[in-house]
Amino acid sequence: MHRVWLRLATLILLVGCRSVTDVDSRLVLTMTTDRTTLSVGDTAHFVLTLTNQSRASMRIPYWYCPHYFTVVDAAERPSGPPQTVCTAEWRAPVDLAPGASVTLLDRWAADTGEEHSFHTLRVEPGTYTIQGRLAGPERRITSNAIVITVNGAP
């Protein structure tokens, strides 16, 4: 009887400890931008594309609350985008067929802070790394990194 419990516990551990990348590694997030240099008043626009590279349809969360990226400065300190307040709304997940993709649009005006409280601040001139991030079925999915240089006055 002890062996049966031991085998059952081992089976549960093996199933429970499967790699979280099994599903999400087949979802590939790419990010492109229209500019890699910003001056005061400029805005970079991003296109994020999530592609299902598996052979099966995948159910993915629905994203309704931008921003879909993070920004860090050269010292890897968080530097944007401005935080947003999203309403509590529930949306059904999306079924993504094999080879299909979903596209999201976003923007960054070299700013950080809190949009809802009007405490949005311009970042200092320097180099910033932007990376797309979306919630996947089992973990966060990240894109390629894009480096943007922010200059002072235009």
N, C-alpha and C. Protein backbone atom coordinates (compact mmCIF):
# COMPACT_ATOMS: atom_id res chain seq x y z
N MET A 1 0.82 -1.20 0.00
CA MET A 1 0.00 0.00 0.00
C MET A 1 0.86 1.26 0.00
N HIS A 2 1.98 1.20 0.73
CA HIS A 2 2.89 2.34 0.80
C HIS A 2 3.44 2.67 -0.59
N ARG A 3 3.74 1.64 -1.39
CA ARG A 3 4.27 1.86 -2.74
C ARG A 3 3.24 2.51 -3.65
N VAL A 4 2.00 2.14 -3.49
CA VAL A 4 0.95 2.74 -4.31
C VAL A 4 0.88 4.25 -4.04
N TRP A 5 0.90 4.63 -2.76
CA TRP A 5 0.86 6.05 -2.41
C TRP A 5 2.09 6.78 -2.91
N LEU A 6 3.24 6.13 -2.82
CA LEU A 6 4.47 6.73 -3.29
C LEU A 6 4.42 6.95 -4.80
N ARG A 7 3.93 5.96 -5.54
CA ARG A 7 3.80 6.11 -7.00
C ARG A 7 2.81 7.21 -7.35
N LEU A 8 1.70 7.25 -6.63
CA LEU A 8 0.69 8.28 -6.89
C LEU A 8 1.26 9.67 -6.60
N ALA A 9 1.97 9.82 -5.50
CA ALA A 9 2.58 11.11 -5.16
C ALA A 9 3.61 11.51 -6.21
N THR A 10 4.40 10.57 -6.70
CA THR A 10 5.39 10.86 -7.74
C THR A 10 4.71 11.31 -9.02
N LEU A 11 3.64 10.63 -9.39
CA LEU A 11 2.89 10.99 -10.60
C LEU A 11 2.32 12.40 -10.48
N ILE A 12 1.76 12.72 -9.33
CA ILE A 12 1.19 14.07 -9.12
C ILE A 12 2.29 15.12 -9.21
N LEU A 13 3.44 14.84 -8.61
CA LEU A 13 4.55 15.80 -8.69
C LEU A 13 5.03 15.99 -10.12
N LEU A 14 5.12 14.91 -10.88
CA LEU A 14 5.58 15.02 -12.27
C LEU A 14 4.60 15.83 -13.12
N VAL A 15 3.32 15.59 -12.93
CA VAL A 15 2.32 16.34 -13.69
C VAL A 15 2.30 17.79 -13.24
N GLY A 16 2.37 18.03 -11.93
CA GLY A 16 2.32 19.38 -11.40
C GLY A 16 3.57 20.18 -11.69
N CYS A 17 4.69 19.53 -11.92
CA CYS A 17 5.95 20.23 -12.13
C CYS A 17 6.34 20.32 -13.59
N ARG A 18 5.42 20.09 -14.50
CA ARG A 18 5.79 20.21 -15.90
C ARG A 18 6.19 21.65 -16.19
N SER A 19 6.97 21.81 -17.18
CA SER A 19 7.50 23.13 -17.48
C SER A 19 6.39 24.08 -17.89
N VAL A 20 6.38 25.28 -17.29
CA VAL A 20 5.37 26.26 -17.66
C VAL A 20 5.61 26.79 -19.06
N THR A 21 6.77 26.51 -19.61
CA THR A 21 7.03 26.98 -20.97
C THR A 21 6.45 26.03 -22.01
N ASP A 22 5.91 24.89 -21.58
CA ASP A 22 5.34 23.95 -22.54
C ASP A 22 4.30 24.63 -23.42
N VAL A 23 3.41 25.39 -22.82
CA VAL A 23 2.37 26.07 -23.58
C VAL A 23 2.86 27.42 -24.09
N ASP A 24 3.32 28.24 -23.19
CA ASP A 24 3.63 29.62 -23.53
C ASP A 24 4.85 29.77 -24.44
N SER A 25 5.75 28.78 -24.49
CA SER A 25 6.89 28.91 -25.39
C SER A 25 6.46 28.81 -26.84
N ARG A 26 5.28 28.31 -27.10
CA ARG A 26 4.77 28.24 -28.47
C ARG A 26 4.00 29.50 -28.85
N LEU A 27 3.88 30.42 -27.90
CA LEU A 27 3.31 31.73 -28.18
C LEU A 27 4.47 32.71 -28.26
N VAL A 28 4.65 33.32 -29.42
CA VAL A 28 5.79 34.21 -29.64
C VAL A 28 5.28 35.65 -29.77
N LEU A 29 5.85 36.53 -28.94
CA LEU A 29 5.48 37.94 -28.95
C LEU A 29 6.60 38.74 -29.59
N THR A 30 6.27 39.47 -30.65
CA THR A 30 7.24 40.35 -31.29
C THR A 30 6.75 41.79 -31.16
N MET A 31 7.71 42.70 -31.13
CA MET A 31 7.37 44.12 -30.97
C MET A 31 8.19 44.94 -31.96
N THR A 32 7.53 45.87 -32.62
CA THR A 32 8.21 46.79 -33.53
C THR A 32 7.80 48.21 -33.15
N THR A 33 8.60 49.17 -33.61
CA THR A 33 8.30 50.58 -33.33
C THR A 33 8.56 51.41 -34.58
N ASP A 34 7.96 52.59 -34.60
CA ASP A 34 8.15 53.50 -35.73
C ASP A 34 9.32 54.44 -35.52
N ARG A 35 9.91 54.47 -34.30
CA ARG A 35 11.06 55.34 -34.06
C ARG A 35 11.88 54.82 -32.89
N THR A 36 13.17 55.04 -33.00
CA THR A 36 14.09 54.62 -31.94
C THR A 36 14.80 55.81 -31.30
N THR A 37 14.43 57.00 -31.71
CA THR A 37 14.94 58.23 -31.10
C THR A 37 13.76 59.14 -30.84
N LEU A 38 13.67 59.65 -29.61
CA LEU A 38 12.58 60.56 -29.24
C LEU A 38 13.16 61.85 -28.71
N SER A 39 12.48 62.95 -29.00
CA SER A 39 12.76 64.25 -28.39
C SER A 39 11.53 64.62 -27.59
N VAL A 40 11.63 65.69 -26.80
CA VAL A 40 10.48 66.15 -26.03
C VAL A 40 9.29 66.34 -26.97
N GLY A 41 8.17 65.80 -26.60
CA GLY A 41 6.96 65.93 -27.40
C GLY A 41 6.76 64.82 -28.42
N ASP A 42 7.76 63.97 -28.65
CA ASP A 42 7.63 62.87 -29.59
C ASP A 42 6.98 61.66 -28.93
N THR A 43 6.39 60.82 -29.76
CA THR A 43 5.78 59.58 -29.27
C THR A 43 6.21 58.43 -30.16
N ALA A 44 6.62 57.34 -29.53
CA ALA A 44 6.92 56.11 -30.26
C ALA A 44 5.67 55.24 -30.24
N HIS A 45 5.32 54.70 -31.39
CA HIS A 45 4.17 53.80 -31.50
C HIS A 45 4.68 52.38 -31.65
N PHE A 46 4.04 51.46 -30.94
CA PHE A 46 4.46 50.07 -30.95
C PHE A 46 3.38 49.17 -31.54
N VAL A 47 3.83 48.16 -32.25
CA VAL A 47 2.95 47.10 -32.73
C VAL A 47 3.44 45.82 -32.08
N LEU A 48 2.58 45.21 -31.29
CA LEU A 48 2.90 43.94 -30.63
C LEU A 48 2.09 42.85 -31.30
N THR A 49 2.76 41.79 -31.71
CA THR A 49 2.08 40.69 -32.41
C THR A 49 2.36 39.39 -31.66
N LEU A 50 1.30 38.75 -31.21
CA LEU A 50 1.40 37.46 -30.54
C LEU A 50 0.98 36.39 -31.52
N THR A 51 1.89 35.42 -31.79
CA THR A 51 1.64 34.38 -32.78
C THR A 51 1.64 33.02 -32.12
N ASN A 52 0.65 32.21 -32.47
CA ASN A 52 0.57 30.83 -31.99
C ASN A 52 1.38 29.95 -32.94
N GLN A 53 2.54 29.49 -32.49
CA GLN A 53 3.40 28.66 -33.33
C GLN A 53 3.23 27.17 -33.05
N SER A 54 2.16 26.81 -32.37
CA SER A 54 1.91 25.40 -32.09
C SER A 54 1.04 24.80 -33.18
N ARG A 55 0.76 23.52 -33.06
CA ARG A 55 -0.10 22.82 -34.02
C ARG A 55 -1.54 22.74 -33.56
N ALA A 56 -1.82 23.34 -32.40
CA ALA A 56 -3.17 23.27 -31.84
C ALA A 56 -3.66 24.67 -31.50
N SER A 57 -4.96 24.82 -31.46
CA SER A 57 -5.56 26.08 -31.05
C SER A 57 -5.23 26.30 -29.57
N MET A 58 -5.00 27.55 -29.21
CA MET A 58 -4.66 27.86 -27.82
C MET A 58 -5.60 28.94 -27.30
N ARG A 59 -6.09 28.74 -26.09
CA ARG A 59 -6.94 29.74 -25.44
C ARG A 59 -6.04 30.69 -24.67
N ILE A 60 -6.13 31.97 -24.99
CA ILE A 60 -5.28 32.97 -24.37
C ILE A 60 -6.14 34.04 -23.70
N PRO A 61 -5.61 34.70 -22.67
CA PRO A 61 -6.38 35.77 -22.02
C PRO A 61 -6.64 36.91 -23.00
N TYR A 62 -7.69 37.66 -22.74
CA TYR A 62 -7.98 38.85 -23.53
C TYR A 62 -7.38 40.05 -22.79
N TRP A 63 -6.60 40.87 -23.49
CA TRP A 63 -5.96 42.03 -22.87
C TRP A 63 -6.77 43.26 -23.21
N TYR A 64 -7.16 43.98 -22.20
CA TYR A 64 -7.97 45.16 -22.43
C TYR A 64 -7.40 46.40 -21.76
N CYS A 65 -6.28 46.26 -21.10
CA CYS A 65 -5.78 47.37 -20.31
C CYS A 65 -4.32 47.67 -20.67
N PRO A 66 -4.09 48.66 -21.52
CA PRO A 66 -2.70 49.00 -21.83
C PRO A 66 -2.05 49.62 -20.60
N HIS A 67 -0.84 49.67 -20.50
CA HIS A 67 0.19 49.53 -21.51
C HIS A 67 0.68 48.08 -21.54
N TYR A 68 1.09 47.64 -22.73
CA TYR A 68 1.50 46.26 -22.93
C TYR A 68 3.02 46.12 -22.98
N PHE A 69 3.72 46.99 -22.26
CA PHE A 69 5.19 46.96 -22.29
C PHE A 69 5.74 47.56 -21.00
N THR A 70 7.03 47.34 -20.79
CA THR A 70 7.74 47.95 -19.67
C THR A 70 8.90 48.75 -20.23
N VAL A 71 9.39 49.70 -19.44
CA VAL A 71 10.53 50.53 -19.83
C VAL A 71 11.51 50.55 -18.66
N VAL A 72 12.78 50.34 -18.97
CA VAL A 72 13.84 50.50 -17.97
C VAL A 72 14.91 51.41 -18.54
N ASP A 73 15.58 52.15 -17.64
CA ASP A 73 16.66 53.02 -18.09
C ASP A 73 17.96 52.23 -18.18
N ALA A 74 19.06 52.91 -18.47
CA ALA A 74 20.35 52.24 -18.65
C ALA A 74 20.81 51.53 -17.38
N ALA A 75 20.35 51.98 -16.21
CA ALA A 75 20.68 51.32 -14.95
C ALA A 75 19.65 50.25 -14.58
N GLU A 76 18.75 49.95 -15.51
CA GLU A 76 17.69 48.94 -15.36
C GLU A 76 16.67 49.30 -14.28
N ARG A 77 16.46 50.61 -14.06
CA ARG A 77 15.42 51.08 -13.16
C ARG A 77 14.13 51.25 -13.95
N PRO A 78 12.98 50.87 -13.39
CA PRO A 78 11.71 51.09 -14.08
C PRO A 78 11.54 52.58 -14.42
N SER A 79 11.16 52.86 -15.67
CA SER A 79 11.07 54.24 -16.14
C SER A 79 9.83 54.48 -16.98
N GLY A 80 8.80 53.74 -16.77
CA GLY A 80 7.57 53.93 -17.53
C GLY A 80 7.04 52.59 -17.96
N PRO A 81 5.97 52.61 -18.65
CA PRO A 81 5.15 53.76 -19.05
C PRO A 81 4.34 54.25 -17.85
N PRO A 82 3.60 55.35 -18.04
CA PRO A 82 2.75 55.82 -16.95
C PRO A 82 1.77 54.72 -16.54
N GLN A 83 1.52 54.62 -15.24
CA GLN A 83 0.56 53.64 -14.76
C GLN A 83 -0.84 54.08 -15.15
N THR A 84 -1.66 53.13 -15.49
CA THR A 84 -3.04 53.44 -15.85
C THR A 84 -3.98 52.73 -14.87
N VAL A 85 -5.17 53.23 -14.75
CA VAL A 85 -6.20 52.59 -13.95
C VAL A 85 -7.19 51.98 -14.93
N CYS A 86 -7.41 50.71 -14.77
CA CYS A 86 -8.34 50.02 -15.65
C CYS A 86 -9.57 49.62 -14.87
N THR A 87 -10.69 49.69 -15.51
CA THR A 87 -11.92 49.27 -14.87
C THR A 87 -11.92 47.76 -14.74
N ALA A 88 -12.61 47.28 -13.76
CA ALA A 88 -12.70 45.82 -13.56
C ALA A 88 -13.72 45.28 -14.56
N GLU A 89 -13.22 44.81 -15.66
CA GLU A 89 -14.12 44.23 -16.63
C GLU A 89 -13.60 42.86 -17.02
N TRP A 90 -14.53 41.98 -17.23
CA TRP A 90 -14.18 40.62 -17.58
C TRP A 90 -14.45 40.42 -19.06
N ARG A 91 -13.50 39.85 -19.73
CA ARG A 91 -13.66 39.53 -21.14
C ARG A 91 -13.31 38.07 -21.32
N ALA A 92 -14.01 37.44 -22.21
CA ALA A 92 -13.76 36.01 -22.47
C ALA A 92 -12.40 35.84 -23.12
N PRO A 93 -11.73 34.72 -22.84
CA PRO A 93 -10.45 34.47 -23.51
C PRO A 93 -10.65 34.33 -25.02
N VAL A 94 -9.55 34.44 -25.73
CA VAL A 94 -9.55 34.35 -27.19
C VAL A 94 -8.95 33.02 -27.59
N ASP A 95 -9.56 32.34 -28.55
CA ASP A 95 -8.98 31.11 -29.10
C ASP A 95 -8.12 31.50 -30.29
N LEU A 96 -6.84 31.16 -30.21
CA LEU A 96 -5.89 31.50 -31.26
C LEU A 96 -5.53 30.23 -32.02
N ALA A 97 -5.93 30.17 -33.27
CA ALA A 97 -5.70 28.98 -34.10
C ALA A 97 -4.21 28.80 -34.40
N PRO A 98 -3.81 27.61 -34.79
CA PRO A 98 -2.40 27.40 -35.16
C PRO A 98 -1.97 28.37 -36.26
N GLY A 99 -0.86 29.04 -36.07
CA GLY A 99 -0.35 29.98 -37.05
C GLY A 99 -1.01 31.35 -37.02
N ALA A 100 -2.08 31.50 -36.26
CA ALA A 100 -2.79 32.78 -36.20
C ALA A 100 -2.09 33.73 -35.25
N SER A 101 -2.41 35.01 -35.39
CA SER A 101 -1.80 36.01 -34.52
C SER A 101 -2.82 37.06 -34.11
N VAL A 102 -2.49 37.76 -33.04
CA VAL A 102 -3.28 38.87 -32.52
C VAL A 102 -2.34 40.07 -32.47
N THR A 103 -2.84 41.23 -32.89
CA THR A 103 -2.02 42.44 -32.90
C THR A 103 -2.59 43.46 -31.94
N LEU A 104 -1.71 44.06 -31.14
CA LEU A 104 -2.07 45.12 -30.21
C LEU A 104 -1.24 46.35 -30.52
N LEU A 105 -1.81 47.52 -30.33
CA LEU A 105 -1.11 48.78 -30.56
C LEU A 105 -0.93 49.50 -29.23
N ASP A 106 0.19 50.17 -29.08
CA ASP A 106 0.45 50.93 -27.87
C ASP A 106 1.38 52.09 -28.22
N ARG A 107 1.68 52.95 -27.25
CA ARG A 107 2.52 54.11 -27.50
C ARG A 107 3.27 54.49 -26.24
N TRP A 108 4.38 55.22 -26.43
CA TRP A 108 5.15 55.75 -25.30
C TRP A 108 5.69 57.11 -25.69
N ALA A 109 5.44 58.12 -24.85
CA ALA A 109 5.88 59.49 -25.12
C ALA A 109 7.02 59.88 -24.19
N ALA A 110 7.91 58.93 -23.91
CA ALA A 110 9.05 59.17 -23.01
C ALA A 110 8.58 59.73 -21.68
N ASP A 111 7.53 59.09 -21.14
CA ASP A 111 6.95 59.55 -19.89
C ASP A 111 6.77 58.41 -18.90
N THR A 112 6.61 58.79 -17.64
CA THR A 112 6.41 57.84 -16.57
C THR A 112 5.50 58.49 -15.54
N GLY A 113 5.09 57.77 -14.53
CA GLY A 113 4.23 58.35 -13.49
C GLY A 113 2.88 57.69 -13.46
N GLU A 114 1.85 58.50 -13.19
CA GLU A 114 0.49 57.99 -13.07
C GLU A 114 -0.44 58.85 -13.93
N GLU A 115 -0.95 58.28 -15.02
CA GLU A 115 -1.83 59.03 -15.90
C GLU A 115 -3.09 59.53 -15.20
N HIS A 116 -3.67 58.66 -14.35
CA HIS A 116 -4.95 59.01 -13.73
C HIS A 116 -4.84 60.14 -12.72
N SER A 117 -3.64 60.39 -12.18
CA SER A 117 -3.50 61.45 -11.18
C SER A 117 -2.83 62.69 -11.75
N PHE A 118 -2.59 62.68 -13.04
CA PHE A 118 -1.94 63.80 -13.72
C PHE A 118 -0.52 64.04 -13.22
N HIS A 119 0.11 63.03 -12.63
CA HIS A 119 1.49 63.12 -12.19
C HIS A 119 2.40 62.44 -13.20
N THR A 120 2.14 62.67 -14.46
CA THR A 120 2.96 62.10 -15.51
C THR A 120 4.20 62.97 -15.68
N LEU A 121 5.35 62.34 -15.73
CA LEU A 121 6.61 63.04 -15.83
C LEU A 121 7.37 62.61 -17.07
N ARG A 122 8.13 63.52 -17.63
CA ARG A 122 9.03 63.18 -18.74
C ARG A 122 10.25 62.49 -18.16
N VAL A 123 10.74 61.49 -18.86
CA VAL A 123 11.97 60.84 -18.40
C VAL A 123 13.16 61.71 -18.78
N GLU A 124 14.27 61.49 -18.13
CA GLU A 124 15.50 62.22 -18.42
C GLU A 124 16.06 61.76 -19.76
N PRO A 125 16.81 62.61 -20.45
CA PRO A 125 17.48 62.15 -21.67
C PRO A 125 18.36 60.94 -21.35
N GLY A 126 18.41 60.00 -22.27
CA GLY A 126 19.21 58.80 -22.06
C GLY A 126 18.72 57.67 -22.93
N THR A 127 19.19 56.48 -22.62
CA THR A 127 18.84 55.28 -23.38
C THR A 127 17.88 54.43 -22.55
N TYR A 128 16.81 53.96 -23.18
CA TYR A 128 15.78 53.19 -22.50
C TYR A 128 15.51 51.91 -23.29
N THR A 129 15.23 50.84 -22.55
CA THR A 129 14.90 49.56 -23.18
C THR A 129 13.44 49.27 -22.94
N ILE A 130 12.74 49.02 -24.03
CA ILE A 130 11.30 48.74 -23.98
C ILE A 130 11.10 47.28 -24.35
N GLN A 131 10.24 46.60 -23.60
CA GLN A 131 9.97 45.19 -23.87
C GLN A 131 8.48 44.92 -23.69
N GLY A 132 7.88 44.31 -24.71
CA GLY A 132 6.48 43.95 -24.65
C GLY A 132 6.25 42.85 -23.64
N ARG A 133 5.11 42.92 -22.94
CA ARG A 133 4.75 41.90 -21.95
C ARG A 133 3.25 41.68 -21.98
N LEU A 134 2.88 40.41 -22.11
CA LEU A 134 1.46 40.04 -22.09
C LEU A 134 1.29 38.84 -21.17
N ALA A 135 0.12 38.73 -20.59
CA ALA A 135 -0.21 37.55 -19.80
C ALA A 135 -0.51 36.42 -20.77
N GLY A 136 0.12 35.28 -20.54
CA GLY A 136 -0.15 34.10 -21.33
C GLY A 136 -1.04 33.16 -20.55
N PRO A 137 -1.33 31.99 -21.12
CA PRO A 137 -2.17 31.03 -20.40
C PRO A 137 -1.56 30.60 -19.06
N GLU A 138 -0.23 30.52 -18.99
CA GLU A 138 0.40 30.02 -17.78
C GLU A 138 1.47 30.94 -17.21
N ARG A 139 1.95 31.89 -17.95
CA ARG A 139 3.00 32.79 -17.47
C ARG A 139 3.01 34.05 -18.34
N ARG A 140 3.81 35.01 -17.94
CA ARG A 140 3.96 36.25 -18.71
C ARG A 140 4.82 35.97 -19.94
N ILE A 141 4.43 36.51 -21.06
CA ILE A 141 5.16 36.35 -22.31
C ILE A 141 5.85 37.67 -22.62
N THR A 142 7.14 37.62 -22.93
CA THR A 142 7.89 38.83 -23.22
C THR A 142 8.36 38.85 -24.67
N SER A 143 8.52 40.03 -25.19
CA SER A 143 8.93 40.21 -26.58
C SER A 143 10.43 40.48 -26.66
N ASN A 144 10.86 40.70 -27.87
CA ASN A 144 12.20 41.22 -28.10
C ASN A 144 12.30 42.61 -27.47
N ALA A 145 13.52 43.02 -27.15
CA ALA A 145 13.74 44.34 -26.55
C ALA A 145 14.02 45.36 -27.65
N ILE A 146 13.54 46.58 -27.43
CA ILE A 146 13.79 47.69 -28.35
C ILE A 146 14.47 48.79 -27.54
N VAL A 147 15.57 49.32 -28.06
CA VAL A 147 16.30 50.39 -27.40
C VAL A 147 15.89 51.71 -28.03
N ILE A 148 15.49 52.65 -27.18
CA ILE A 148 15.09 53.98 -27.64
C ILE A 148 15.95 55.02 -26.93
N THR A 149 16.48 55.96 -27.70
CA THR A 149 17.25 57.06 -27.15
C THR A 149 16.33 58.26 -27.01
N VAL A 150 16.33 58.85 -25.82
CA VAL A 150 15.53 60.06 -25.56
C VAL A 150 16.49 61.24 -25.47
N ASN A 151 16.29 62.20 -26.37
CA ASN A 151 17.10 63.42 -26.37
C ASN A 151 16.43 64.49 -25.53
N GLY A 152 17.15 65.56 -25.27
CA GLY A 152 16.58 66.70 -24.55
C GLY A 152 15.61 67.44 -25.44
N ALA A 153 15.72 68.75 -25.49
CA ALA A 153 14.83 69.59 -26.29
C ALA A 153 14.92 69.21 -27.77
N PRO A 154 13.82 69.38 -28.51
CA PRO A 154 13.81 69.02 -29.94
C PRO A 154 14.74 69.89 -30.77
